[in-house]
Amino acid sequence: MELAVENAQAWSEAIFGSVELGDKRLTKRLMQIGKQLSSLPGSSLSESCEGQDALLEGSYRFLRNKRVNAKQIAEGAIG
């Protein structure tokens, strides 16, 4: 059974909106990535960008950013 998120934007804001990454732009990008991936469950990051190259590049830049780590995201999302 595949679960669907009814409002991906609201879900992503609720989960990731309070994550402290030291820069509001990084938190905004995290919420965008969360929205992308929850809109298409089971898809890859590339698929979730639906052919938008700039969106995909921004997502990859976020993942490569040395100021962002998984612990920060997990602690903020759980908190």
C-alpha atoms as a PDB file:
ATOM      1  CA  MET A   1       0.000   0.000   0.000  1.00  0.00           C
ATOM      2  CA  GLU A   2       1.409   3.369  -1.014  1.00  0.00           C
ATOM      3  CA  LEU A   3       0.579   6.348   1.152  1.00  0.00           C
ATOM      4  CA  ALA A   4       0.043   9.721  -0.472  1.00  0.00           C
ATOM      5  CA  VAL A   5       0.624  13.117   1.080  1.00  0.00           C
ATOM      6  CA  GLU A   6      -2.445  15.240   0.438  1.00  0.00           C
ATOM      7  CA  ASN A   7      -0.662  18.592   0.730  1.00  0.00           C
ATOM      8  CA  ALA A   8       3.058  18.151   0.111  1.00  0.00           C
ATOM      9  CA  GLN A   9       3.896  21.793   0.813  1.00  0.00           C
ATOM     10  CA  ALA A  10       2.136  21.820   4.204  1.00  0.00           C
ATOM     11  CA  TRP A  11       3.667  18.468   5.156  1.00  0.00           C
ATOM     12  CA  SER A  12       7.181  19.589   4.270  1.00  0.00           C
ATOM     13  CA  GLU A  13       6.794  22.877   6.156  1.00  0.00           C
ATOM     14  CA  ALA A  14       5.503  21.025   9.224  1.00  0.00           C
ATOM     15  CA  ILE A  15       8.383  18.524   9.185  1.00  0.00           C
ATOM     16  CA  PHE A  16      11.315  20.678   8.058  1.00  0.00           C
ATOM     17  CA  GLY A  17      10.251  24.275   8.721  1.00  0.00           C
ATOM     18  CA  SER A  18      11.886  24.457  12.140  1.00  0.00           C
ATOM     19  CA  VAL A  19      15.193  22.869  11.102  1.00  0.00           C
ATOM     20  CA  GLU A  20      18.040  25.244  12.001  1.00  0.00           C
ATOM     21  CA  LEU A  21      20.666  25.176   9.271  1.00  0.00           C
ATOM     22  CA  GLY A  22      22.115  28.608   9.987  1.00  0.00           C
ATOM     23  CA  ASP A  23      20.646  30.165   6.840  1.00  0.00           C
ATOM     24  CA  LYS A  24      16.957  30.579   6.011  1.00  0.00           C
ATOM     25  CA  ARG A  25      17.688  29.844   2.346  1.00  0.00           C
ATOM     26  CA  LEU A  26      18.971  26.388   3.257  1.00  0.00           C
ATOM     27  CA  THR A  27      15.836  25.652   5.277  1.00  0.00           C
ATOM     28  CA  LYS A  28      13.722  26.859   2.354  1.00  0.00           C
ATOM     29  CA  ARG A  29      15.606  24.531  -0.005  1.00  0.00           C
ATOM     30  CA  LEU A  30      15.162  21.620   2.433  1.00  0.00           C
ATOM     31  CA  MET A  31      11.413  22.230   2.492  1.00  0.00           C
ATOM     32  CA  GLN A  32      11.394  22.347  -1.328  1.00  0.00           C
ATOM     33  CA  ILE A  33      13.203  19.011  -1.548  1.00  0.00           C
ATOM     34  CA  GLY A  34      10.809  17.509   1.010  1.00  0.00           C
ATOM     35  CA  LYS A  35       7.865  18.748  -1.033  1.00  0.00           C
ATOM     36  CA  GLN A  36       9.329  17.359  -4.260  1.00  0.00           C
ATOM     37  CA  LEU A  37       9.969  13.916  -2.846  1.00  0.00           C
ATOM     38  CA  SER A  38       6.679  13.634  -0.957  1.00  0.00           C
ATOM     39  CA  SER A  39       4.736  14.648  -4.071  1.00  0.00           C
ATOM     40  CA  LEU A  40       6.049  11.594  -5.923  1.00  0.00           C
ATOM     41  CA  PRO A  41       6.587   8.819  -3.333  1.00  0.00           C
ATOM     42  CA  GLY A  42       9.186   6.266  -4.359  1.00  0.00           C
ATOM     43  CA  SER A  43      10.733   8.513  -6.995  1.00  0.00           C
ATOM     44  CA  SER A  44      14.362   9.497  -7.239  1.00  0.00           C
ATOM     45  CA  LEU A  45      15.502  13.056  -6.638  1.00  0.00           C
ATOM     46  CA  SER A  46      15.888  13.485 -10.379  1.00  0.00           C
ATOM     47  CA  GLU A  47      12.381  12.181 -11.073  1.00  0.00           C
ATOM     48  CA  SER A  48      10.906  14.390  -8.360  1.00  0.00           C
ATOM     49  CA  CYS A  49      12.220  17.482 -10.169  1.00  0.00           C
ATOM     50  CA  GLU A  50      10.093  16.540 -13.188  1.00  0.00           C
ATOM     51  CA  GLY A  51      12.569  17.705 -15.819  1.00  0.00           C
ATOM     52  CA  GLN A  52      13.356  21.056 -14.183  1.00  0.00           C
ATOM     53  CA  ASP A  53      17.142  21.211 -14.459  1.00  0.00           C
ATOM     54  CA  ALA A  54      17.534  24.247 -12.184  1.00  0.00           C
ATOM     55  CA  LEU A  55      15.501  22.538  -9.457  1.00  0.00           C
ATOM     56  CA  LEU A  56      17.614  19.399  -9.735  1.00  0.00           C
ATOM     57  CA  GLU A  57      20.882  21.378  -9.625  1.00  0.00           C
ATOM     58  CA  GLY A  58      19.667  23.323  -6.576  1.00  0.00           C
ATOM     59  CA  SER A  59      18.790  20.061  -4.850  1.00  0.00           C
ATOM     60  CA  TYR A  60      22.205  18.582  -5.555  1.00  0.00           C
ATOM     61  CA  ARG A  61      23.934  21.781  -4.371  1.00  0.00           C
ATOM     62  CA  PHE A  62      21.975  21.528  -1.114  1.00  0.00           C
ATOM     63  CA  LEU A  63      23.064  17.914  -0.612  1.00  0.00           C
ATOM     64  CA  ARG A  64      26.727  18.787  -1.280  1.00  0.00           C
ATOM     65  CA  ASN A  65      26.689  21.839   0.998  1.00  0.00           C
ATOM     66  CA  LYS A  66      29.248  21.431   3.792  1.00  0.00           C
ATOM     67  CA  ARG A  67      27.104  23.565   6.133  1.00  0.00           C
ATOM     68  CA  VAL A  68      24.308  20.976   6.050  1.00  0.00           C
ATOM     69  CA  ASN A  69      24.434  17.590   7.729  1.00  0.00           C
ATOM     70  CA  ALA A  70      21.935  14.825   8.311  1.00  0.00           C
ATOM     71  CA  LYS A  71      22.093  15.196  12.091  1.00  0.00           C
ATOM     72  CA  GLN A  72      20.881  18.801  11.898  1.00  0.00           C
ATOM     73  CA  ILE A  73      17.984  17.776   9.682  1.00  0.00           C
ATOM     74  CA  ALA A  74      17.015  14.804  11.834  1.00  0.00           C
ATOM     75  CA  GLU A  75      17.177  16.764  15.083  1.00  0.00           C
ATOM     76  CA  GLY A  76      15.131  19.614  13.633  1.00  0.00           C
ATOM     77  CA  ALA A  77      12.538  17.338  12.099  1.00  0.00           C
ATOM     78  CA  ILE A  78      12.095  15.341  15.307  1.00  0.00           C
ATOM     79  CA  GLY A  79      12.269  18.338  17.652  1.00  0.00           C
END
